[in-house]
């Protein structure tokens, strides 16, 4: 994956608006997720992070990353958004990778009290080709370190 979106190949054009289901399938495949909802100009995808094995109040919890695109303009550029749960030690490398691809990081915070390991949620957005966005986000996944350890509980 190129480190700069200017060198990436734009895969989504205004003509693709008539084939939104195909673009959404590609978006989900690139991200390794499943389509939750879609139409010609909207797509919502979820990807589980089972390797985190989180609990909240001692109960198992599915840590789901969420991605989407919507609001295409006449050039086929969309509003692209994402929210990903991660370990604290994964936050900075993940953000660095997103920023290297001109994706705006808009929030970093927790969602829950009494979760183990302590999960952080990173929210991000861009306006551009949704498939280039998906490729950049998928490249950022390479920073994920795998299973949580006792050190991740603090």
Protein backbone atom coordinates (compact mmCIF):
# COMPACT_ATOMS: atom_id res chain seq x y z
CA UNK A 1 0.00 0.00 0.00
CA UNK A 2 1.38 3.41 -0.91
CA UNK A 3 2.20 5.68 2.00
CA UNK A 4 0.50 8.58 0.24
CA UNK A 5 -3.00 8.60 -1.19
CA UNK A 6 -1.81 10.68 -4.14
CA UNK A 7 0.08 7.63 -5.43
CA UNK A 8 -2.79 5.22 -4.83
CA UNK A 9 -5.03 4.22 -7.72
CA UNK A 10 -8.52 5.63 -7.37
CA UNK A 11 -10.93 2.74 -7.77
CA UNK A 12 -14.20 4.58 -7.25
CA UNK A 13 -15.50 6.95 -9.89
CA UNK A 14 -18.75 8.81 -10.45
CA UNK A 15 -19.78 6.01 -12.84
CA UNK A 16 -19.48 3.48 -10.02
CA UNK A 17 -22.38 5.11 -8.19
CA UNK A 18 -24.69 2.90 -10.24
CA UNK A 19 -22.88 -0.19 -8.93
CA UNK A 20 -22.82 0.57 -5.23
CA UNK A 21 -23.26 -3.05 -4.14
CA UNK A 22 -20.08 -4.09 -5.94
CA UNK A 23 -18.10 -1.21 -4.44
CA UNK A 24 -19.44 -2.10 -0.98
CA UNK A 25 -18.39 -5.74 -1.44
CA UNK A 26 -14.89 -4.60 -2.42
CA UNK A 27 -14.80 -2.19 0.54
CA UNK A 28 -15.74 -5.02 2.95
CA UNK A 29 -13.27 -7.47 1.36
CA UNK A 30 -10.37 -5.01 1.62
CA UNK A 31 -11.19 -4.35 5.28
CA UNK A 32 -11.73 -8.02 6.10
CA UNK A 33 -15.23 -7.30 7.34
CA UNK A 34 -18.89 -8.05 6.73
CA UNK A 35 -21.47 -5.76 5.19
CA UNK A 36 -24.08 -4.58 7.68
CA UNK A 37 -26.07 -2.38 5.27
CA UNK A 38 -25.65 -0.88 1.82
CA UNK A 39 -27.31 0.83 -1.11
CA UNK A 40 -25.99 2.71 -4.13
CA UNK A 41 -24.42 5.51 -2.10
CA UNK A 42 -24.03 4.07 1.39
CA UNK A 43 -22.08 1.16 2.87
CA UNK A 44 -21.57 0.04 6.47
CA UNK A 45 -19.07 -2.71 7.36
CA UNK A 46 -18.09 -4.41 10.64
CA UNK A 47 -14.93 -6.32 11.47
CA UNK A 48 -14.49 -8.27 14.70
CA UNK A 49 -11.25 -8.24 16.68
CA UNK A 50 -11.59 -11.60 18.47
CA UNK A 51 -7.86 -11.70 19.26
CA UNK A 52 -8.47 -9.06 21.93
CA UNK A 53 -10.80 -11.39 23.91
CA UNK A 54 -12.22 -8.47 25.89
CA UNK A 55 -14.63 -8.59 28.79
CA UNK A 56 -16.80 -5.92 30.35
CA UNK A 57 -17.81 -6.50 33.96
CA UNK A 58 -16.37 -9.99 33.55
CA UNK A 59 -18.62 -10.84 30.57
CA UNK A 60 -17.30 -11.57 27.06
CA UNK A 61 -17.66 -8.67 24.64
CA UNK A 62 -17.33 -8.58 20.84
CA UNK A 63 -14.91 -5.79 20.00
CA UNK A 64 -16.17 -4.62 16.62
CA UNK A 65 -14.51 -2.17 14.27
CA UNK A 66 -16.99 -0.19 12.15
CA UNK A 67 -16.41 1.43 8.76
CA UNK A 68 -18.56 3.18 6.25
CA UNK A 69 -18.87 5.51 3.34
CA UNK A 70 -21.72 7.74 2.21
CA UNK A 71 -22.63 11.04 0.57
CA UNK A 72 -20.89 10.64 -2.82
CA UNK A 73 -20.35 13.79 -4.83
CA UNK A 74 -20.47 14.09 -8.62
CA UNK A 75 -16.85 12.84 -8.83
CA UNK A 76 -17.63 9.75 -6.75
CA UNK A 77 -15.75 10.96 -3.68
CA UNK A 78 -17.42 9.94 -0.43
CA UNK A 79 -17.34 10.71 3.25
CA UNK A 80 -15.41 7.75 4.73
CA UNK A 81 -15.47 6.96 8.43
CA UNK A 82 -14.11 4.39 10.82
CA UNK A 83 -14.01 3.40 14.47
CA UNK A 84 -11.61 0.72 15.67
CA UNK A 85 -11.13 -0.78 19.15
CA UNK A 86 -7.53 -1.48 20.07
CA UNK A 87 -5.04 -1.95 22.86
CA UNK A 88 -3.40 1.16 24.26
CA UNK A 89 -0.01 0.12 22.85
CA UNK A 90 -1.51 -0.07 19.34
CA UNK A 91 -2.94 3.47 19.32
CA UNK A 92 0.09 5.55 18.28
CA UNK A 93 1.35 3.24 15.50
CA UNK A 94 -2.21 2.94 14.12
CA UNK A 95 -2.71 6.71 14.14
CA UNK A 96 0.68 7.25 12.50
CA UNK A 97 -0.31 4.91 9.66
CA UNK A 98 -3.64 6.67 9.15
CA UNK A 99 -2.02 10.10 9.13
CA UNK A 100 0.60 8.91 6.62
CA UNK A 101 -2.36 8.35 4.29
CA UNK A 102 -4.03 11.73 4.97
CA UNK A 103 -6.81 10.24 7.08
CA UNK A 104 -7.98 12.56 9.87
CA UNK A 105 -8.03 11.13 13.38
CA UNK A 106 -11.00 12.70 15.14
CA UNK A 107 -11.19 10.98 18.53
CA UNK A 108 -9.29 8.61 20.80
CA UNK A 109 -11.09 7.49 23.94
CA UNK A 110 -12.48 4.60 25.94
CA UNK A 111 -16.06 3.41 25.68
CA UNK A 112 -16.40 1.28 28.78
CA UNK A 113 -15.58 1.10 32.45
CA UNK A 114 -14.33 -2.19 33.86
CA UNK A 115 -13.17 -3.60 30.53
CA UNK A 116 -10.25 -6.01 30.32
CA UNK A 117 -8.02 -5.47 28.57
CA UNK A 118 -8.45 -1.69 28.55
CA UNK A 119 -9.68 -0.88 25.06
CA UNK A 120 -9.19 2.41 23.27
CA UNK A 121 -11.41 3.42 20.36
CA UNK A 122 -9.93 5.45 17.51
CA UNK A 123 -12.33 7.36 15.24
CA UNK A 124 -11.21 8.68 11.85
CA UNK A 125 -12.53 10.15 8.62
CA UNK A 126 -11.71 11.36 5.13
CA UNK A 127 -13.35 12.53 1.95
CA UNK A 128 -12.11 10.57 -1.05
CA UNK A 129 -12.25 7.29 -2.88
CA UNK A 130 -13.74 4.71 -0.46
CA UNK A 131 -11.57 1.89 -1.80
CA UNK A 132 -8.38 3.92 -1.35
CA UNK A 133 -9.57 4.70 2.20
CA UNK A 134 -10.18 0.97 2.81
CA UNK A 135 -6.70 0.10 1.51
CA UNK A 136 -5.09 2.68 3.80
CA UNK A 137 -7.04 1.45 6.84
CA UNK A 138 -6.23 -2.19 6.02
CA UNK A 139 -2.54 -1.24 5.84
CA UNK A 140 -2.85 0.35 9.30
CA UNK A 141 -4.12 -3.00 10.67
CA UNK A 142 -0.59 -4.37 10.31
CA UNK A 143 0.36 -2.57 13.55
CA UNK A 144 -1.97 -4.77 15.59
CA UNK A 145 0.13 -6.90 17.88
CA UNK A 146 -2.21 -9.80 18.53
CA UNK A 147 -3.44 -11.07 21.85
CA UNK A 148 -3.69 -8.92 24.91
CA UNK A 149 -1.37 -9.53 27.86
CA UNK A 150 -1.68 -8.73 31.56
CA UNK A 151 0.19 -5.48 30.85
CA UNK A 152 -2.76 -4.33 28.71
CA UNK A 153 -5.16 -4.27 31.67
CA UNK A 154 -3.92 -0.97 33.08
